[in-house]
Amino acid sequence: MGTDSQKMILDIFAKHNGRIEALVPQEYSPGTLDLFKRTLDHTRSFMQWKYKVKDMEIKSLDYEFISEFSFWLKTVRNCQHNSAVKYLTYFKKIVLQCVKSKWLPGDPFIDFKNNQSRH
């Protein structure tokens, strides 16, 4: 991948899931793969609902995105708190890979607390 190309969230996530799938059952369980796939689906649905886009550049991720995604999971998707936290945890794994790859200048989760119930 060239450094000039745009890094898109869902594209990165899908490639990640493909790598996980290739390592089932040697390193990952089918359940882990399923959670990553569901998290990708929720991320896609959230972007379409909130931003009316099919994908977004990874560098556009910020605290507001994470906070709104959490709110969406609990309200629109009607996820219980623990389920929402699990999806956000799996999403964060992708985000931190992007930070390590220097595609994202910082961690948008840095000030986010999963136990937030109010803004």
N, C-alpha and C. Protein backbone atom coordinates (compact mmCIF):
# COMPACT_ATOMS: atom_id res chain seq x y z
N MET A 1 0.84 -1.20 0.00
CA MET A 1 0.00 0.00 0.00
C MET A 1 0.88 1.25 0.00
N GLY A 2 0.61 2.14 -0.88
CA GLY A 2 1.36 3.38 -0.93
C GLY A 2 0.92 4.33 0.17
N THR A 3 1.82 5.17 0.60
CA THR A 3 1.48 6.12 1.66
C THR A 3 0.60 7.24 1.13
N ASP A 4 0.53 7.41 -0.20
CA ASP A 4 -0.29 8.47 -0.78
C ASP A 4 -1.78 8.10 -0.79
N SER A 5 -2.07 6.80 -0.83
CA SER A 5 -3.46 6.39 -0.97
C SER A 5 -4.24 6.65 0.31
N GLN A 6 -5.54 6.90 0.13
CA GLN A 6 -6.41 7.12 1.28
C GLN A 6 -6.63 5.79 1.98
N LYS A 7 -6.57 5.83 3.28
CA LYS A 7 -6.83 4.65 4.08
C LYS A 7 -8.27 4.75 4.57
N MET A 8 -9.08 3.82 4.15
CA MET A 8 -10.51 3.85 4.46
C MET A 8 -10.83 2.86 5.58
N ILE A 9 -11.66 3.29 6.51
CA ILE A 9 -11.95 2.51 7.71
C ILE A 9 -12.48 1.12 7.38
N LEU A 10 -13.54 1.04 6.59
CA LEU A 10 -14.17 -0.26 6.33
C LEU A 10 -13.27 -1.17 5.50
N ASP A 11 -12.48 -0.58 4.61
CA ASP A 11 -11.54 -1.35 3.81
C ASP A 11 -10.47 -1.97 4.72
N ILE A 12 -9.93 -1.18 5.63
CA ILE A 12 -8.92 -1.67 6.58
C ILE A 12 -9.53 -2.78 7.44
N PHE A 13 -10.74 -2.54 7.91
CA PHE A 13 -11.44 -3.49 8.78
C PHE A 13 -11.67 -4.81 8.03
N ALA A 14 -12.13 -4.74 6.78
CA ALA A 14 -12.40 -5.94 5.99
C ALA A 14 -11.12 -6.73 5.74
N LYS A 15 -10.02 -6.04 5.44
CA LYS A 15 -8.74 -6.73 5.23
C LYS A 15 -8.29 -7.41 6.53
N HIS A 16 -8.46 -6.72 7.64
CA HIS A 16 -8.13 -7.29 8.94
C HIS A 16 -8.93 -8.58 9.17
N ASN A 17 -10.24 -8.52 8.89
CA ASN A 17 -11.10 -9.69 9.11
C ASN A 17 -10.69 -10.85 8.21
N GLY A 18 -10.24 -10.54 7.01
CA GLY A 18 -9.75 -11.59 6.11
C GLY A 18 -8.53 -12.30 6.69
N ARG A 19 -7.67 -11.53 7.33
CA ARG A 19 -6.49 -12.12 7.97
C ARG A 19 -6.89 -12.98 9.17
N ILE A 20 -7.86 -12.50 9.94
CA ILE A 20 -8.34 -13.27 11.08
C ILE A 20 -8.94 -14.59 10.57
N GLU A 21 -9.77 -14.49 9.54
CA GLU A 21 -10.43 -15.67 8.99
C GLU A 21 -9.42 -16.72 8.53
N ALA A 22 -8.31 -16.27 7.95
CA ALA A 22 -7.27 -17.19 7.49
C ALA A 22 -6.58 -17.90 8.65
N LEU A 23 -6.69 -17.35 9.85
CA LEU A 23 -6.04 -17.92 11.02
C LEU A 23 -7.00 -18.68 11.96
N VAL A 24 -8.23 -18.90 11.47
CA VAL A 24 -9.18 -19.74 12.22
C VAL A 24 -9.00 -21.16 11.70
N PRO A 25 -8.81 -22.16 12.50
CA PRO A 25 -8.86 -22.18 13.96
C PRO A 25 -7.48 -22.16 14.62
N GLN A 26 -6.42 -21.96 13.83
CA GLN A 26 -5.07 -22.04 14.41
C GLN A 26 -4.84 -21.03 15.52
N GLU A 27 -5.21 -19.75 15.28
CA GLU A 27 -4.94 -18.71 16.27
C GLU A 27 -6.19 -18.03 16.81
N TYR A 28 -7.28 -18.09 16.07
CA TYR A 28 -8.51 -17.42 16.48
C TYR A 28 -9.68 -18.40 16.44
N SER A 29 -10.63 -18.19 17.32
CA SER A 29 -11.82 -19.04 17.33
C SER A 29 -12.84 -18.50 16.32
N PRO A 30 -13.74 -19.36 15.85
CA PRO A 30 -14.81 -18.88 14.98
C PRO A 30 -15.64 -17.78 15.65
N GLY A 31 -15.79 -17.84 16.97
CA GLY A 31 -16.54 -16.81 17.70
C GLY A 31 -15.87 -15.44 17.63
N THR A 32 -14.55 -15.44 17.69
CA THR A 32 -13.82 -14.17 17.58
C THR A 32 -14.02 -13.58 16.19
N LEU A 33 -13.90 -14.41 15.18
CA LEU A 33 -14.13 -13.94 13.81
C LEU A 33 -15.55 -13.38 13.67
N ASP A 34 -16.53 -14.07 14.24
CA ASP A 34 -17.91 -13.61 14.17
C ASP A 34 -18.07 -12.24 14.82
N LEU A 35 -17.42 -12.03 15.96
CA LEU A 35 -17.51 -10.72 16.62
C LEU A 35 -16.88 -9.62 15.77
N PHE A 36 -15.74 -9.91 15.13
CA PHE A 36 -15.13 -8.91 14.25
C PHE A 36 -16.05 -8.61 13.06
N LYS A 37 -16.68 -9.65 12.50
CA LYS A 37 -17.58 -9.43 11.36
C LYS A 37 -18.81 -8.61 11.78
N ARG A 38 -19.38 -8.93 12.94
CA ARG A 38 -20.54 -8.16 13.41
C ARG A 38 -20.15 -6.71 13.71
N THR A 39 -18.95 -6.53 14.27
CA THR A 39 -18.49 -5.16 14.55
C THR A 39 -18.32 -4.39 13.25
N LEU A 40 -17.78 -5.02 12.22
CA LEU A 40 -17.65 -4.38 10.92
C LEU A 40 -19.03 -4.00 10.38
N ASP A 41 -19.99 -4.91 10.48
CA ASP A 41 -21.35 -4.61 10.00
C ASP A 41 -21.96 -3.43 10.77
N HIS A 42 -21.77 -3.41 12.08
CA HIS A 42 -22.30 -2.29 12.88
C HIS A 42 -21.61 -0.98 12.50
N THR A 43 -20.31 -1.04 12.27
CA THR A 43 -19.56 0.18 11.89
C THR A 43 -20.09 0.71 10.56
N ARG A 44 -20.29 -0.19 9.61
CA ARG A 44 -20.83 0.20 8.29
C ARG A 44 -22.21 0.83 8.43
N SER A 45 -23.08 0.19 9.21
CA SER A 45 -24.43 0.71 9.41
C SER A 45 -24.43 2.06 10.10
N PHE A 46 -23.55 2.21 11.09
CA PHE A 46 -23.45 3.48 11.80
C PHE A 46 -23.02 4.60 10.86
N MET A 47 -22.01 4.35 10.04
CA MET A 47 -21.54 5.38 9.10
C MET A 47 -22.64 5.81 8.14
N GLN A 48 -23.39 4.83 7.66
CA GLN A 48 -24.48 5.16 6.73
C GLN A 48 -25.56 5.95 7.45
N TRP A 49 -25.87 5.58 8.68
CA TRP A 49 -26.91 6.26 9.45
C TRP A 49 -26.50 7.68 9.84
N LYS A 50 -25.31 7.81 10.37
CA LYS A 50 -24.86 9.10 10.92
C LYS A 50 -24.31 10.04 9.86
N TYR A 51 -23.47 9.52 8.98
CA TYR A 51 -22.74 10.38 8.04
C TYR A 51 -23.20 10.24 6.59
N LYS A 52 -24.10 9.28 6.33
CA LYS A 52 -24.63 9.05 4.97
C LYS A 52 -23.51 8.75 3.97
N VAL A 53 -22.52 7.96 4.40
CA VAL A 53 -21.40 7.58 3.53
C VAL A 53 -21.22 6.06 3.56
N LYS A 54 -20.56 5.55 2.52
CA LYS A 54 -20.28 4.12 2.45
C LYS A 54 -19.00 3.76 3.21
N ASP A 55 -18.10 4.72 3.37
CA ASP A 55 -16.84 4.51 4.08
C ASP A 55 -16.26 5.88 4.41
N MET A 56 -15.27 5.90 5.28
CA MET A 56 -14.64 7.16 5.68
C MET A 56 -13.14 6.95 5.78
N GLU A 57 -12.39 8.04 5.57
CA GLU A 57 -10.94 7.96 5.74
C GLU A 57 -10.63 7.72 7.21
N ILE A 58 -9.64 6.89 7.45
CA ILE A 58 -9.26 6.57 8.82
C ILE A 58 -8.85 7.83 9.59
N LYS A 59 -8.24 8.78 8.91
CA LYS A 59 -7.78 9.99 9.60
C LYS A 59 -8.93 10.90 10.05
N SER A 60 -10.15 10.58 9.62
CA SER A 60 -11.29 11.37 10.08
C SER A 60 -11.85 10.87 11.41
N LEU A 61 -11.35 9.75 11.90
CA LEU A 61 -11.81 9.23 13.18
C LEU A 61 -11.40 10.17 14.31
N ASP A 62 -12.35 10.44 15.19
CA ASP A 62 -12.06 11.30 16.34
C ASP A 62 -12.93 10.88 17.51
N TYR A 63 -12.78 11.57 18.62
CA TYR A 63 -13.54 11.26 19.83
C TYR A 63 -15.04 11.30 19.56
N GLU A 64 -15.49 12.28 18.79
CA GLU A 64 -16.92 12.41 18.50
C GLU A 64 -17.46 11.17 17.80
N PHE A 65 -16.69 10.64 16.83
CA PHE A 65 -17.10 9.43 16.12
C PHE A 65 -17.30 8.29 17.11
N ILE A 66 -16.33 8.09 17.99
CA ILE A 66 -16.39 6.99 18.96
C ILE A 66 -17.59 7.17 19.89
N SER A 67 -17.76 8.37 20.39
CA SER A 67 -18.85 8.67 21.31
C SER A 67 -20.21 8.46 20.64
N GLU A 68 -20.35 8.92 19.41
CA GLU A 68 -21.60 8.77 18.67
C GLU A 68 -21.86 7.30 18.31
N PHE A 69 -20.80 6.58 18.00
CA PHE A 69 -20.93 5.15 17.69
C PHE A 69 -21.44 4.40 18.93
N SER A 70 -20.90 4.71 20.08
CA SER A 70 -21.34 4.11 21.33
C SER A 70 -22.82 4.39 21.58
N PHE A 71 -23.20 5.65 21.41
CA PHE A 71 -24.59 6.06 21.60
C PHE A 71 -25.52 5.32 20.63
N TRP A 72 -25.09 5.23 19.36
CA TRP A 72 -25.87 4.55 18.32
C TRP A 72 -26.07 3.08 18.67
N LEU A 73 -25.00 2.41 19.11
CA LEU A 73 -25.10 1.00 19.47
C LEU A 73 -26.15 0.78 20.55
N LYS A 74 -26.18 1.70 21.54
CA LYS A 74 -27.09 1.54 22.68
C LYS A 74 -28.51 1.98 22.37
N THR A 75 -28.69 2.86 21.41
CA THR A 75 -30.03 3.38 21.13
C THR A 75 -30.60 2.79 19.84
N VAL A 76 -30.04 3.13 18.71
CA VAL A 76 -30.56 2.67 17.42
C VAL A 76 -30.48 1.15 17.31
N ARG A 77 -29.33 0.57 17.69
CA ARG A 77 -29.15 -0.89 17.61
C ARG A 77 -29.71 -1.60 18.84
N ASN A 78 -30.02 -0.83 19.87
CA ASN A 78 -30.61 -1.38 21.10
C ASN A 78 -29.74 -2.45 21.76
N CYS A 79 -28.40 -2.24 21.71
CA CYS A 79 -27.48 -3.17 22.36
C CYS A 79 -27.45 -2.88 23.86
N GLN A 80 -27.33 -3.93 24.64
CA GLN A 80 -27.10 -3.77 26.07
C GLN A 80 -25.69 -3.21 26.26
N HIS A 81 -25.44 -2.63 27.43
CA HIS A 81 -24.16 -1.98 27.70
C HIS A 81 -22.97 -2.90 27.40
N ASN A 82 -23.01 -4.13 27.92
CA ASN A 82 -21.87 -5.03 27.74
C ASN A 82 -21.62 -5.39 26.27
N SER A 83 -22.69 -5.51 25.50
CA SER A 83 -22.54 -5.78 24.07
C SER A 83 -21.93 -4.58 23.36
N ALA A 84 -22.39 -3.40 23.68
CA ALA A 84 -21.84 -2.18 23.07
C ALA A 84 -20.36 -2.05 23.40
N VAL A 85 -19.99 -2.32 24.64
CA VAL A 85 -18.58 -2.26 25.05
C VAL A 85 -17.75 -3.27 24.25
N LYS A 86 -18.29 -4.47 24.05
CA LYS A 86 -17.57 -5.50 23.29
C LYS A 86 -17.33 -5.04 21.85
N TYR A 87 -18.36 -4.48 21.20
CA TYR A 87 -18.19 -4.01 19.83
C TYR A 87 -17.17 -2.88 19.77
N LEU A 88 -17.23 -1.97 20.72
CA LEU A 88 -16.26 -0.87 20.75
C LEU A 88 -14.84 -1.39 21.00
N THR A 89 -14.71 -2.42 21.80
CA THR A 89 -13.40 -3.02 22.06
C THR A 89 -12.82 -3.61 20.78
N TYR A 90 -13.65 -4.30 20.01
CA TYR A 90 -13.18 -4.88 18.76
C TYR A 90 -12.86 -3.79 17.74
N PHE A 91 -13.66 -2.74 17.70
CA PHE A 91 -13.38 -1.62 16.81
C PHE A 91 -12.05 -0.95 17.20
N LYS A 92 -11.82 -0.83 18.51
CA LYS A 92 -10.59 -0.21 18.99
C LYS A 92 -9.35 -0.98 18.55
N LYS A 93 -9.45 -2.31 18.44
CA LYS A 93 -8.31 -3.11 17.97
C LYS A 93 -7.90 -2.67 16.57
N ILE A 94 -8.87 -2.39 15.71
CA ILE A 94 -8.59 -1.92 14.36
C ILE A 94 -7.97 -0.52 14.41
N VAL A 95 -8.55 0.35 15.22
CA VAL A 95 -8.07 1.73 15.34
C VAL A 95 -6.61 1.75 15.83
N LEU A 96 -6.30 0.94 16.82
CA LEU A 96 -4.93 0.93 17.35
C LEU A 96 -3.93 0.39 16.33
N GLN A 97 -4.35 -0.53 15.48
CA GLN A 97 -3.47 -0.98 14.39
C GLN A 97 -3.18 0.18 13.44
N CYS A 98 -4.17 1.02 13.20
CA CYS A 98 -3.99 2.19 12.33
C CYS A 98 -3.05 3.21 12.97
N VAL A 99 -3.15 3.37 14.28
CA VAL A 99 -2.24 4.27 14.99
C VAL A 99 -0.81 3.73 14.87
N LYS A 100 -0.63 2.42 15.11
CA LYS A 100 0.70 1.80 15.03
C LYS A 100 1.28 1.89 13.62
N SER A 101 0.40 1.85 12.61
CA SER A 101 0.84 1.95 11.21
C SER A 101 1.06 3.40 10.78
N LYS A 102 0.78 4.32 11.69
CA LYS A 102 0.94 5.76 11.46
C LYS A 102 -0.03 6.30 10.40
N TRP A 103 -1.18 5.64 10.29
CA TRP A 103 -2.25 6.12 9.40
C TRP A 103 -3.15 7.07 10.15
N LEU A 104 -3.06 7.05 11.45
CA LEU A 104 -3.88 7.88 12.32
C LEU A 104 -2.93 8.52 13.33
N PRO A 105 -2.95 9.86 13.46
CA PRO A 105 -1.96 10.54 14.31
C PRO A 105 -2.10 10.27 15.80
N GLY A 106 -3.29 9.88 16.25
CA GLY A 106 -3.48 9.62 17.67
C GLY A 106 -4.65 8.68 17.88
N ASP A 107 -4.83 8.26 19.11
CA ASP A 107 -5.89 7.34 19.46
C ASP A 107 -7.16 8.10 19.83
N PRO A 108 -8.22 8.01 19.01
CA PRO A 108 -9.46 8.73 19.31
C PRO A 108 -10.18 8.18 20.55
N PHE A 109 -9.74 7.03 21.03
CA PHE A 109 -10.33 6.44 22.23
C PHE A 109 -9.70 7.00 23.51
N ILE A 110 -8.65 7.82 23.38
CA ILE A 110 -7.83 8.22 24.52
C ILE A 110 -8.64 8.77 25.70
N ASP A 111 -9.63 9.58 25.44
CA ASP A 111 -10.43 10.16 26.52
C ASP A 111 -11.81 9.52 26.65
N PHE A 112 -12.05 8.49 25.85
CA PHE A 112 -13.37 7.85 25.86
C PHE A 112 -13.44 6.83 26.99
N LYS A 113 -14.51 6.89 27.72
CA LYS A 113 -14.75 5.93 28.81
C LYS A 113 -15.99 5.10 28.44
N ASN A 114 -15.83 3.80 28.45
CA ASN A 114 -16.94 2.92 28.07
C ASN A 114 -18.11 2.95 29.03
N ASN A 115 -17.91 3.51 30.22
CA ASN A 115 -19.00 3.51 31.18
C ASN A 115 -19.82 4.80 31.12
N GLN A 116 -19.60 5.58 30.05
CA GLN A 116 -20.36 6.83 29.92
C GLN A 116 -21.83 6.52 29.67
N SER A 117 -22.67 7.18 30.41
CA SER A 117 -24.09 7.05 30.13
C SER A 117 -24.66 8.40 29.71
N ARG A 118 -23.95 9.45 29.98
CA ARG A 118 -24.39 10.80 29.60
C ARG A 118 -23.23 11.53 28.92
N HIS A 119 -23.59 12.53 28.14
CA HIS A 119 -22.56 13.31 27.44
C HIS A 119 -22.31 14.60 28.19
